[in-house]
C-alpha atoms as a PDB file:
ATOM      1  CA  MET A   1       1.819  13.224  -5.535  1.00  0.00           C
ATOM      2  CA  LEU A   2      -0.736  13.688  -8.295  1.00  0.00           C
ATOM      3  CA  GLU A   3       1.662  15.925 -10.210  1.00  0.00           C
ATOM      4  CA  LYS A   4       4.387  13.262  -9.959  1.00  0.00           C
ATOM      5  CA  VAL A   5       2.019  10.684 -11.468  1.00  0.00           C
ATOM      6  CA  ARG A   6       1.123  13.050 -14.307  1.00  0.00           C
ATOM      7  CA  SER A   7       4.744  13.934 -15.063  1.00  0.00           C
ATOM      8  CA  ASP A   8       5.707  10.241 -14.984  1.00  0.00           C
ATOM      9  CA  ILE A   9       2.900   9.492 -17.455  1.00  0.00           C
ATOM     10  CA  HIS A  10       4.352  12.060 -19.836  1.00  0.00           C
ATOM     11  CA  ALA A  11       7.861  10.667 -19.352  1.00  0.00           C
ATOM     12  CA  ALA A  12       6.602   7.113 -20.004  1.00  0.00           C
ATOM     13  CA  MET A  13       4.883   8.316 -23.192  1.00  0.00           C
ATOM     14  CA  LYS A  14       8.076   9.907 -24.453  1.00  0.00           C
ATOM     15  CA  SER A  15      10.260   6.925 -23.584  1.00  0.00           C
ATOM     16  CA  GLY A  16       7.812   4.310 -24.881  1.00  0.00           C
ATOM     17  CA  GLU A  17       7.397   2.420 -21.598  1.00  0.00           C
ATOM     18  CA  LYS A  18       4.031   0.828 -22.332  1.00  0.00           C
ATOM     19  CA  VAL A  19       3.579  -1.110 -19.093  1.00  0.00           C
ATOM     20  CA  LYS A  20       4.424   1.898 -16.933  1.00  0.00           C
ATOM     21  CA  LEU A  21       2.176   4.127 -19.021  1.00  0.00           C
ATOM     22  CA  SER A  22      -0.835   1.827 -18.805  1.00  0.00           C
ATOM     23  CA  THR A  23      -0.310   1.211 -15.077  1.00  0.00           C
ATOM     24  CA  LEU A  24      -0.092   4.903 -14.237  1.00  0.00           C
ATOM     25  CA  ARG A  25      -3.079   5.715 -16.432  1.00  0.00           C
ATOM     26  CA  MET A  26      -5.148   3.147 -14.528  1.00  0.00           C
ATOM     27  CA  VAL A  27      -4.085   4.675 -11.219  1.00  0.00           C
ATOM     28  CA  LEU A  28      -4.823   8.187 -12.487  1.00  0.00           C
ATOM     29  CA  ALA A  29      -8.302   7.035 -13.529  1.00  0.00           C
ATOM     30  CA  ASP A  30      -8.836   5.564 -10.044  1.00  0.00           C
ATOM     31  CA  ILE A  31      -7.713   8.841  -8.476  1.00  0.00           C
ATOM     32  CA  LYS A  32     -10.078  10.858 -10.687  1.00  0.00           C
ATOM     33  CA  LYS A  33     -12.967   8.497  -9.896  1.00  0.00           C
ATOM     34  CA  GLU A  34     -12.310   8.827  -6.180  1.00  0.00           C
ATOM     35  CA  GLU A  35     -12.165  12.631  -6.468  1.00  0.00           C
ATOM     36  CA  ILE A  36     -15.514  12.634  -8.251  1.00  0.00           C
ATOM     37  CA  ASP A  37     -17.029  10.309  -5.642  1.00  0.00           C
ATOM     38  CA  ARG A  38     -15.770  12.466  -2.765  1.00  0.00           C
ATOM     39  CA  GLN A  39     -16.410  15.746  -4.625  1.00  0.00           C
ATOM     40  CA  ARG A  40     -13.032  17.152  -3.604  1.00  0.00           C
ATOM     41  CA  PRO A  41      -9.347  16.757  -4.441  1.00  0.00           C
ATOM     42  CA  LEU A  42      -7.569  13.908  -2.663  1.00  0.00           C
ATOM     43  CA  ASN A  43      -4.672  14.430  -0.282  1.00  0.00           C
ATOM     44  CA  ASN A  44      -1.429  12.448  -0.541  1.00  0.00           C
ATOM     45  CA  GLU A  45      -2.488   9.865   2.068  1.00  0.00           C
ATOM     46  CA  GLU A  46      -5.657   9.088   0.119  1.00  0.00           C
ATOM     47  CA  ILE A  47      -3.660   8.806  -3.112  1.00  0.00           C
ATOM     48  CA  LEU A  48      -1.236   6.429  -1.379  1.00  0.00           C
ATOM     49  CA  GLY A  49      -4.252   4.373  -0.336  1.00  0.00           C
ATOM     50  CA  ILE A  50      -5.232   4.065  -3.992  1.00  0.00           C
ATOM     51  CA  PHE A  51      -1.725   2.859  -4.816  1.00  0.00           C
ATOM     52  CA  LYS A  52      -1.933   0.282  -2.008  1.00  0.00           C
ATOM     53  CA  ARG A  53      -5.304  -0.987  -3.261  1.00  0.00           C
ATOM     54  CA  ALA A  54      -3.888  -1.295  -6.771  1.00  0.00           C
ATOM     55  CA  MET A  55      -0.906  -3.233  -5.425  1.00  0.00           C
ATOM     56  CA  LYS A  56      -3.182  -5.553  -3.476  1.00  0.00           C
ATOM     57  CA  SER A  57      -5.203  -6.179  -6.622  1.00  0.00           C
ATOM     58  CA  ARG A  58      -2.021  -7.015  -8.565  1.00  0.00           C
ATOM     59  CA  ALA A  59      -0.873  -9.407  -5.830  1.00  0.00           C
ATOM     60  CA  GLU A  60      -4.217 -11.221  -5.877  1.00  0.00           C
ATOM     61  CA  SER A  61      -4.099 -11.408  -9.674  1.00  0.00           C
ATOM     62  CA  MET A  62      -0.596 -12.872  -9.588  1.00  0.00           C
ATOM     63  CA  THR A  63      -1.809 -15.620  -7.267  1.00  0.00           C
ATOM     64  CA  GLN A  64      -4.787 -16.435  -9.492  1.00  0.00           C
ATOM     65  CA  PHE A  65      -2.715 -16.406 -12.682  1.00  0.00           C
ATOM     66  CA  GLU A  66      -0.117 -18.696 -11.092  1.00  0.00           C
ATOM     67  CA  LYS A  67      -2.863 -21.157 -10.160  1.00  0.00           C
ATOM     68  CA  GLY A  68      -4.136 -21.008 -13.742  1.00  0.00           C
ATOM     69  CA  GLY A  69      -0.685 -21.522 -15.230  1.00  0.00           C
ATOM     70  CA  ARG A  70      -0.659 -18.134 -17.003  1.00  0.00           C
ATOM     71  CA  LEU A  71       2.969 -17.198 -16.378  1.00  0.00           C
ATOM     72  CA  ASP A  72       2.891 -14.492 -19.075  1.00  0.00           C
ATOM     73  CA  LEU A  73       0.192 -12.637 -17.129  1.00  0.00           C
ATOM     74  CA  VAL A  74       2.013 -13.218 -13.827  1.00  0.00           C
ATOM     75  CA  GLU A  75       5.055 -11.440 -15.236  1.00  0.00           C
ATOM     76  CA  LYS A  76       2.944  -8.479 -16.406  1.00  0.00           C
ATOM     77  CA  GLU A  77       1.334  -8.176 -12.969  1.00  0.00           C
ATOM     78  CA  LYS A  78       4.771  -8.313 -11.297  1.00  0.00           C
ATOM     79  CA  GLN A  79       5.985  -5.444 -13.479  1.00  0.00           C
ATOM     80  CA  GLU A  80       2.920  -3.367 -12.620  1.00  0.00           C
ATOM     81  CA  TYR A  81       3.326  -4.199  -8.924  1.00  0.00           C
ATOM     82  CA  LYS A  82       6.941  -2.968  -8.949  1.00  0.00           C
ATOM     83  CA  ILE A  83       5.921   0.249 -10.694  1.00  0.00           C
ATOM     84  CA  LEU A  84       3.212   0.921  -8.102  1.00  0.00           C
ATOM     85  CA  GLN A  85       5.530   0.036  -5.240  1.00  0.00           C
ATOM     86  CA  SER A  86       8.036   2.672  -6.341  1.00  0.00           C
ATOM     87  CA  TYR A  87       5.503   5.385  -5.408  1.00  0.00           C
ATOM     88  CA  LEU A  88       5.081   4.260  -1.813  1.00  0.00           C
ATOM     89  CA  PRO A  89       7.380   5.487   0.951  1.00  0.00           C
ATOM     90  CA  SER A  90       9.896   2.964   2.223  1.00  0.00           C
ATOM     91  CA  GLN A  91       8.161   0.314   4.278  1.00  0.00           C
ATOM     92  CA  LEU A  92       8.906  -0.492   7.911  1.00  0.00           C
ATOM     93  CA  THR A  93       9.510  -4.208   8.325  1.00  0.00           C
ATOM     94  CA  GLY A  94      11.228  -6.639  10.647  1.00  0.00           C
ATOM     95  CA  GLU A  95      12.961  -5.198  13.700  1.00  0.00           C
ATOM     96  CA  ALA A  96      12.020  -1.586  12.927  1.00  0.00           C
ATOM     97  CA  LEU A  97       8.330  -2.505  12.843  1.00  0.00           C
ATOM     98  CA  LYS A  98       8.651  -4.556  16.037  1.00  0.00           C
ATOM     99  CA  ALA A  99      10.256  -1.577  17.764  1.00  0.00           C
ATOM    100  CA  VAL A 100       7.414   0.726  16.672  1.00  0.00           C
ATOM    101  CA  VAL A 101       4.765  -1.731  17.900  1.00  0.00           C
ATOM    102  CA  GLU A 102       6.533  -2.259  21.233  1.00  0.00           C
ATOM    103  CA  GLU A 103       6.919   1.497  21.714  1.00  0.00           C
ATOM    104  CA  VAL A 104       3.205   2.118  21.084  1.00  0.00           C
ATOM    105  CA  ILE A 105       2.212  -0.746  23.396  1.00  0.00           C
ATOM    106  CA  SER A 106       4.379   0.629  26.215  1.00  0.00           C
ATOM    107  CA  THR A 107       3.210   4.216  25.619  1.00  0.00           C
ATOM    108  CA  LEU A 108      -0.440   3.192  25.759  1.00  0.00           C
ATOM    109  CA  LYS A 109       0.221   0.716  28.585  1.00  0.00           C
ATOM    110  CA  ALA A 110      -1.677  -1.900  26.587  1.00  0.00           C
ATOM    111  CA  SER A 111      -1.750  -5.303  28.242  1.00  0.00           C
ATOM    112  CA  SER A 112      -4.620  -7.432  26.950  1.00  0.00           C
ATOM    113  CA  LYS A 113      -6.487  -8.497  23.829  1.00  0.00           C
ATOM    114  CA  LYS A 114      -9.038  -5.739  24.329  1.00  0.00           C
ATOM    115  CA  ASP A 115      -6.290  -3.147  23.663  1.00  0.00           C
ATOM    116  CA  ILE A 116      -5.458  -4.526  20.190  1.00  0.00           C
ATOM    117  CA  GLY A 117      -7.797  -2.086  18.437  1.00  0.00           C
ATOM    118  CA  LEU A 118      -6.332   0.942  20.211  1.00  0.00           C
ATOM    119  CA  VAL A 119      -2.754  -0.105  19.450  1.00  0.00           C
ATOM    120  CA  MET A 120      -3.635  -0.826  15.815  1.00  0.00           C
ATOM    121  CA  LYS A 121      -5.352   2.545  15.442  1.00  0.00           C
ATOM    122  CA  THR A 122      -2.338   4.366  16.899  1.00  0.00           C
ATOM    123  CA  VAL A 123       0.271   2.555  14.799  1.00  0.00           C
ATOM    124  CA  MET A 124      -1.736   2.881  11.567  1.00  0.00           C
ATOM    125  CA  GLY A 125      -2.442   6.542  12.313  1.00  0.00           C
ATOM    126  CA  GLN A 126       1.232   7.364  12.741  1.00  0.00           C
ATOM    127  CA  TYR A 127       2.767   5.038  10.145  1.00  0.00           C
ATOM    128  CA  GLY A 128      -0.177   4.135   7.876  1.00  0.00           C
ATOM    129  CA  SER A 129       1.560   4.400   4.510  1.00  0.00           C
ATOM    130  CA  GLN A 130       4.791   2.859   5.785  1.00  0.00           C
ATOM    131  CA  VAL A 131       3.444  -0.375   7.252  1.00  0.00           C
ATOM    132  CA  ASP A 132       1.431  -3.387   6.182  1.00  0.00           C
ATOM    133  CA  GLY A 133      -1.731  -3.599   8.284  1.00  0.00           C
ATOM    134  CA  LYS A 134      -1.743  -7.406   8.384  1.00  0.00           C
ATOM    135  CA  GLU A 135       1.841  -7.499   9.599  1.00  0.00           C
ATOM    136  CA  VAL A 136       1.093  -4.915  12.296  1.00  0.00           C
ATOM    137  CA  GLN A 137      -1.986  -6.845  13.416  1.00  0.00           C
ATOM    138  CA  SER A 138       0.028 -10.043  13.645  1.00  0.00           C
ATOM    139  CA  LEU A 139       2.751  -8.392  15.748  1.00  0.00           C
ATOM    140  CA  VAL A 140       0.276  -6.635  18.029  1.00  0.00           C
ATOM    141  CA  SER A 141      -1.661  -9.870  18.563  1.00  0.00           C
ATOM    142  CA  GLN A 142       1.555 -11.744  19.410  1.00  0.00           C
ATOM    143  CA  LYS A 143       2.699  -9.103  21.882  1.00  0.00           C
ATOM    144  CA  LEU A 144      -0.645  -8.756  23.654  1.00  0.00           C
ATOM    145  CA  ASN A 145      -1.437 -12.479  23.825  1.00  0.00           C
ATOM    146  CA  THR A 146       1.687 -13.318  25.799  1.00  0.00           C
END
């Protein structure tokens, strides 16, 4: 994953894609900082977590810029968000996500609110980089509250 980021930085330099270049450089800096903090190289899951955090930051910025009427900055954040999103594996949504949640609930024989944490832990452990935690929590809560 790290090598892909580095090669894409070089490709962006050669092709003159300034937004992609700056976005990937920021992510690479975050990866390096995290490696220094942990005193070891990061695995792909940890790198994907950095991409998700960067995407979350961009989404929050878009909201704030929209409130402030800065549409030029909203557009820049959207471009960066799309670039970051291209590095994540395809996301499970809708019916596919519901099926995963239902399967885990039936496998664990979860039946009440107290089982939400166990179901969440199992789903996020198996599909962490492919699902949105808030969406999973919402589905699990709906299924176990009824």
